[in-house]
């Protein structure tokens, strides 16, 4: 009887020990195929795409504002959006090439609080008429006629910055991009282009601190956004983005320390204020305005 009793208890006890062992190793035993590593990549991607923290959607909002009489200069010195914002914007025009250069510095939020962002961007951009030729402003007078640009081309030349969300803090190390906005003579513009960003993210949770030294590349496919004053563009942006995320991830918890190399292809669907990220069959939903996973 005793022998049968212990044989019956053997399997449940083994299961308890195995589960305990797995729990102790998580998240430090996470390798580049683990769901946790993929979730950290998704958190980093959501941050890089977000609007209020200076991600890709902030730059698209700048592009949409160029398609207006006020342009991005209308932002200067004001409080925009849901966060307190200060902006300093300097623009110059080269009549020889028909190209504008803009240098923008922004700060959003409380420097001692969360969320917070402080960053700078350098752009070059052109307004093109219906024949694809540069014109100085979005709206110009041609004789007795007033017309607007039909296309805007914007390049991100450089960028610096730092930002914080509830789980992540980032230090930007490199930024570039090339966007073409068509239909800028209409209420809804369409943006295609590429975007590249490198940064160091620190993701903090109850179990561990992970540092992700990463590079992100995006390919925008027919992303649609209303032109003009940004308002709450995050809820009105739609479209698809494909991309790749590579990172060296360092995990720390107590005295334990491991490094992992991550490489993720992903697809993003934008709509309703959400950034829906699909990576290796896993789905994550982020807040496009705040730049963090829900």
Protein backbone atom coordinates (compact mmCIF):
# COMPACT_ATOMS: atom_id res chain seq x y z
CA UNK A 1 0.00 0.00 0.00
CA UNK A 2 2.76 2.45 0.91
CA UNK A 3 4.60 1.66 -2.33
CA UNK A 4 1.47 2.38 -4.39
CA UNK A 5 0.88 5.63 -2.49
CA UNK A 6 4.39 6.99 -3.29
CA UNK A 7 4.16 5.87 -6.91
CA UNK A 8 0.93 7.86 -7.24
CA UNK A 9 2.54 10.94 -5.68
CA UNK A 10 5.70 10.74 -7.82
CA UNK A 11 4.37 12.41 -11.01
CA UNK A 12 2.72 15.44 -9.33
CA UNK A 13 5.85 16.08 -7.24
CA UNK A 14 8.06 15.96 -10.31
CA UNK A 15 5.73 18.40 -12.06
CA UNK A 16 5.98 20.82 -9.12
CA UNK A 17 9.78 20.66 -9.15
CA UNK A 18 9.93 21.20 -12.93
CA UNK A 19 7.58 24.18 -12.77
CA UNK A 20 9.53 25.68 -9.90
CA UNK A 21 12.74 25.31 -11.86
CA UNK A 22 11.21 27.05 -14.89
CA UNK A 23 9.90 29.88 -12.74
CA UNK A 24 13.33 30.50 -11.23
CA UNK A 25 14.98 30.69 -14.63
CA UNK A 26 12.46 33.17 -16.08
CA UNK A 27 13.30 35.75 -17.35
CA UNK A 28 17.05 35.18 -17.14
CA UNK A 29 17.02 31.99 -19.17
CA UNK A 30 15.07 33.69 -21.97
CA UNK A 31 16.77 33.14 -25.31
CA UNK A 32 16.17 34.92 -28.59
CA UNK A 33 13.19 32.66 -29.35
CA UNK A 34 11.42 33.25 -26.03
CA UNK A 35 8.05 35.01 -25.78
CA UNK A 36 9.54 37.42 -23.22
CA UNK A 37 12.33 38.48 -25.59
CA UNK A 38 9.70 39.03 -28.29
CA UNK A 39 7.55 41.06 -25.91
CA UNK A 40 10.54 43.25 -25.04
CA UNK A 41 11.13 43.78 -28.77
CA UNK A 42 7.46 44.75 -29.18
CA UNK A 43 7.74 47.22 -26.29
CA UNK A 44 10.76 48.80 -27.95
CA UNK A 45 9.02 48.94 -31.34
CA UNK A 46 5.89 50.57 -29.86
CA UNK A 47 8.11 53.18 -28.23
CA UNK A 48 9.95 53.93 -31.48
CA UNK A 49 6.68 54.34 -33.39
CA UNK A 50 4.78 56.43 -30.80
CA UNK A 51 3.76 60.06 -31.20
CA UNK A 52 4.18 61.90 -27.90
CA UNK A 53 7.62 60.41 -27.22
CA UNK A 54 9.13 61.60 -30.51
CA UNK A 55 8.72 58.36 -32.46
CA UNK A 56 7.92 57.89 -36.13
CA UNK A 57 4.32 59.12 -35.76
CA UNK A 58 5.56 62.44 -34.40
CA UNK A 59 7.58 62.94 -37.57
CA UNK A 60 4.58 61.97 -39.72
CA UNK A 61 2.50 64.53 -37.83
CA UNK A 62 5.12 67.17 -38.67
CA UNK A 63 4.84 66.17 -42.31
CA UNK A 64 1.04 66.44 -42.20
CA UNK A 65 1.31 69.91 -40.64
CA UNK A 66 3.50 71.07 -43.50
CA UNK A 67 0.40 70.70 -45.68
CA UNK A 68 -1.16 73.83 -44.21
CA UNK A 69 -0.73 77.61 -44.37
CA UNK A 70 0.77 77.78 -40.85
CA UNK A 71 3.11 74.81 -41.40
CA UNK A 72 5.19 73.47 -38.54
CA UNK A 73 6.17 77.00 -37.51
CA UNK A 74 2.74 77.32 -35.95
CA UNK A 75 3.83 74.92 -33.19
CA UNK A 76 6.51 77.19 -31.79
CA UNK A 77 6.09 78.42 -28.24
CA UNK A 78 2.72 76.73 -27.74
CA UNK A 79 1.29 73.92 -25.68
CA UNK A 80 0.18 71.16 -28.04
CA UNK A 81 -1.58 67.89 -27.52
CA UNK A 82 -2.29 66.30 -24.12
CA UNK A 83 1.19 66.92 -22.71
CA UNK A 84 2.74 70.25 -21.89
CA UNK A 85 5.00 70.99 -24.83
CA UNK A 86 7.57 73.61 -25.69
CA UNK A 87 9.02 73.84 -29.17
CA UNK A 88 11.77 75.86 -30.78
CA UNK A 89 11.75 75.80 -34.60
CA UNK A 90 14.20 77.41 -37.00
CA UNK A 91 13.64 77.19 -40.77
CA UNK A 92 15.70 78.37 -43.76
CA UNK A 93 14.99 78.20 -47.50
CA UNK A 94 17.38 77.55 -50.40
CA UNK A 95 15.84 79.05 -53.56
CA UNK A 96 18.46 77.35 -55.73
CA UNK A 97 17.19 73.87 -54.86
CA UNK A 98 13.69 74.75 -53.66
CA UNK A 99 14.48 73.02 -50.36
CA UNK A 100 13.66 74.01 -46.79
CA UNK A 101 15.72 73.01 -43.76
CA UNK A 102 14.07 72.87 -40.33
CA UNK A 103 15.80 72.39 -36.97
CA UNK A 104 13.31 71.55 -34.22
CA UNK A 105 13.80 71.11 -30.46
CA UNK A 106 10.90 69.85 -28.34
CA UNK A 107 10.20 68.99 -24.72
CA UNK A 108 7.03 67.25 -23.58
CA UNK A 109 6.00 66.51 -20.03
CA UNK A 110 7.66 66.96 -16.64
CA UNK A 111 11.43 66.25 -16.64
CA UNK A 112 10.98 64.45 -13.31
CA UNK A 113 7.87 62.56 -14.33
CA UNK A 114 6.51 59.91 -16.69
CA UNK A 115 5.83 60.16 -19.59
CA UNK A 116 8.54 62.57 -20.65
CA UNK A 117 10.38 63.34 -23.90
CA UNK A 118 13.09 65.78 -24.94
CA UNK A 119 14.39 65.61 -28.49
CA UNK A 120 15.60 67.46 -31.59
CA UNK A 121 15.06 66.82 -35.28
CA UNK A 122 16.68 68.18 -38.44
CA UNK A 123 14.57 67.95 -41.62
CA UNK A 124 14.88 68.92 -45.24
CA UNK A 125 11.67 69.16 -47.26
CA UNK A 126 10.24 70.29 -50.57
CA UNK A 127 6.79 71.31 -51.74
CA UNK A 128 6.06 70.03 -55.26
CA UNK A 129 3.33 71.26 -57.58
CA UNK A 130 1.11 69.09 -59.79
CA UNK A 131 3.94 68.89 -62.34
CA UNK A 132 6.45 67.68 -59.71
CA UNK A 133 8.35 70.98 -59.62
CA UNK A 134 9.41 72.71 -56.36
CA UNK A 135 7.43 75.66 -55.06
CA UNK A 136 8.32 77.72 -51.99
CA UNK A 137 5.21 77.23 -49.88
CA UNK A 138 2.41 74.72 -49.55
CA UNK A 139 -0.01 77.35 -50.89
CA UNK A 140 1.16 79.76 -53.59
CA UNK A 141 -0.35 82.24 -56.02
CA UNK A 142 0.24 81.68 -59.72
CA UNK A 143 -1.05 84.80 -61.41
CA UNK A 144 -4.72 85.03 -60.58
CA UNK A 145 -4.81 81.44 -59.37
CA UNK A 146 -4.09 80.05 -55.88
CA UNK A 147 -2.88 76.48 -55.74
CA UNK A 148 -1.38 74.11 -53.20
CA UNK A 149 1.41 71.57 -53.32
CA UNK A 150 0.34 68.14 -54.50
CA UNK A 151 3.34 66.32 -53.00
CA UNK A 152 5.71 66.92 -50.10
CA UNK A 153 9.05 65.17 -49.74
CA UNK A 154 10.61 65.16 -46.28
CA UNK A 155 13.96 63.73 -45.18
CA UNK A 156 15.06 63.24 -41.59
CA UNK A 157 18.71 64.28 -41.60
CA UNK A 158 19.50 63.82 -37.90
CA UNK A 159 17.92 63.45 -34.50
CA UNK A 160 18.81 63.34 -30.81
CA UNK A 161 16.71 62.68 -27.76
CA UNK A 162 15.60 60.78 -24.72
CA UNK A 163 12.20 59.71 -23.48
CA UNK A 164 10.51 57.67 -20.75
CA UNK A 165 7.32 55.63 -20.57
CA UNK A 166 6.04 53.59 -17.61
CA UNK A 167 8.25 50.58 -18.41
CA UNK A 168 10.91 51.90 -20.76
CA UNK A 169 13.51 54.65 -20.96
CA UNK A 170 15.38 55.39 -24.20
CA UNK A 171 18.50 57.18 -25.35
CA UNK A 172 18.46 57.80 -29.10
CA UNK A 173 21.76 57.16 -30.92
CA UNK A 174 20.83 57.59 -34.61
CA UNK A 175 17.90 58.62 -36.79
CA UNK A 176 17.16 58.96 -40.51
CA UNK A 177 14.17 58.75 -42.82
CA UNK A 178 12.77 59.59 -46.25
CA UNK A 179 9.04 60.15 -46.74
CA UNK A 180 6.87 61.09 -49.71
CA UNK A 181 3.40 62.47 -48.99
CA UNK A 182 0.97 62.53 -51.89
CA UNK A 183 -2.48 64.07 -52.09
CA UNK A 184 -1.33 67.04 -50.00
CA UNK A 185 -3.91 69.14 -51.85
CA UNK A 186 -6.65 67.04 -50.24
CA UNK A 187 -7.93 66.52 -46.68
CA UNK A 188 -6.33 63.08 -46.34
CA UNK A 189 -2.71 62.56 -47.39
CA UNK A 190 -0.89 59.29 -48.09
CA UNK A 191 2.65 58.70 -46.88
CA UNK A 192 5.14 56.11 -48.11
CA UNK A 193 8.78 55.88 -47.16
CA UNK A 194 11.50 54.44 -44.97
CA UNK A 195 12.60 55.16 -41.41
CA UNK A 196 15.66 53.99 -39.46
CA UNK A 197 16.33 54.44 -35.76
CA UNK A 198 19.01 53.21 -33.36
CA UNK A 199 18.78 53.59 -29.60
CA UNK A 200 19.44 52.03 -26.21
CA UNK A 201 16.28 51.06 -24.32
CA UNK A 202 16.11 50.06 -20.66
CA UNK A 203 13.03 47.98 -19.88
CA UNK A 204 12.25 47.62 -16.17
CA UNK A 205 9.80 45.14 -14.66
CA UNK A 206 9.39 43.51 -11.27
CA UNK A 207 11.57 40.53 -12.22
CA UNK A 208 14.48 42.10 -14.10
CA UNK A 209 16.05 45.00 -15.93
CA UNK A 210 16.75 44.48 -19.63
CA UNK A 211 18.91 46.76 -21.77
CA UNK A 212 18.24 46.62 -25.51
CA UNK A 213 20.90 48.19 -27.75
CA UNK A 214 18.96 48.07 -30.98
CA UNK A 215 18.42 49.16 -34.57
CA UNK A 216 14.95 49.49 -36.06
CA UNK A 217 14.03 49.85 -39.74
CA UNK A 218 10.52 50.62 -40.98
CA UNK A 219 8.89 50.58 -44.41
CA UNK A 220 5.69 52.65 -44.54
CA UNK A 221 3.03 51.42 -46.96
CA UNK A 222 0.17 53.83 -47.78
CA UNK A 223 -0.06 55.32 -44.30
CA UNK A 224 -2.96 57.79 -44.31
CA UNK A 225 -3.19 60.85 -42.06
CA UNK A 226 -5.31 64.03 -42.09
CA UNK A 227 -3.36 67.06 -43.26
CA UNK A 228 -2.99 70.23 -41.26
CA UNK A 229 -2.94 70.91 -37.53
CA UNK A 230 -2.08 67.66 -35.79
CA UNK A 231 -4.74 67.66 -33.05
CA UNK A 232 -5.02 64.02 -32.01
CA UNK A 233 -3.71 62.47 -35.21
CA UNK A 234 -2.90 59.20 -33.45
CA UNK A 235 -6.57 58.14 -33.60
CA UNK A 236 -6.87 59.04 -37.28
CA UNK A 237 -3.75 57.40 -38.71
CA UNK A 238 -4.20 54.16 -40.66
CA UNK A 239 -1.98 51.97 -42.80
CA UNK A 240 0.65 49.26 -42.71
CA UNK A 241 4.30 49.21 -41.69
CA UNK A 242 6.74 46.35 -42.15
CA UNK A 243 10.10 46.29 -40.47
CA UNK A 244 13.04 44.61 -38.80
CA UNK A 245 14.33 44.89 -35.25
CA UNK A 246 17.80 43.75 -34.16
CA UNK A 247 19.20 44.15 -30.66
CA UNK A 248 21.77 43.01 -28.18
CA UNK A 249 19.76 42.39 -25.02
CA UNK A 250 21.39 42.35 -21.61
CA UNK A 251 19.40 40.83 -18.74
CA UNK A 252 20.14 41.71 -15.12
CA UNK A 253 18.54 40.43 -11.94
CA UNK A 254 20.48 40.17 -8.72
CA UNK A 255 23.89 38.70 -9.49
CA UNK A 256 22.75 36.98 -12.69
CA UNK A 257 23.71 38.39 -16.08
CA UNK A 258 23.09 37.13 -19.60
CA UNK A 259 23.21 38.58 -23.11
CA UNK A 260 21.09 37.68 -26.12
CA UNK A 261 21.08 38.73 -29.78
CA UNK A 262 17.56 39.40 -31.07
CA UNK A 263 16.43 39.60 -34.69
CA UNK A 264 12.75 40.11 -35.42
CA UNK A 265 10.78 40.81 -38.59
CA UNK A 266 7.39 42.33 -37.84
CA UNK A 267 4.27 43.87 -39.32
CA UNK A 268 2.37 46.82 -37.85
CA UNK A 269 -1.25 47.73 -38.56
CA UNK A 270 -2.31 51.26 -37.59
CA UNK A 271 -5.87 52.27 -36.79
CA UNK A 272 -8.11 53.69 -34.08
CA UNK A 273 -5.18 54.98 -32.04
CA UNK A 274 -3.64 51.49 -31.83
CA UNK A 275 -0.38 50.12 -33.09
CA UNK A 276 -0.94 46.39 -33.65
CA UNK A 277 2.37 44.56 -33.84
CA UNK A 278 2.64 41.00 -35.15
CA UNK A 279 5.94 39.16 -34.52
CA UNK A 280 6.47 35.42 -35.08
CA UNK A 281 2.78 34.65 -34.68
CA UNK A 282 2.43 36.73 -31.49
CA UNK A 283 0.21 39.81 -31.41
CA UNK A 284 0.76 42.93 -29.31
CA UNK A 285 -1.35 46.08 -29.07
CA UNK A 286 0.21 49.43 -28.25
CA UNK A 287 -1.03 52.96 -27.64
CA UNK A 288 0.09 55.00 -30.65
CA UNK A 289 -0.11 58.29 -28.77
CA UNK A 290 1.92 57.25 -25.71
CA UNK A 291 4.21 54.79 -27.50
CA UNK A 292 3.80 51.86 -25.11
CA UNK A 293 2.11 48.47 -25.03
CA UNK A 294 -1.36 48.40 -23.50
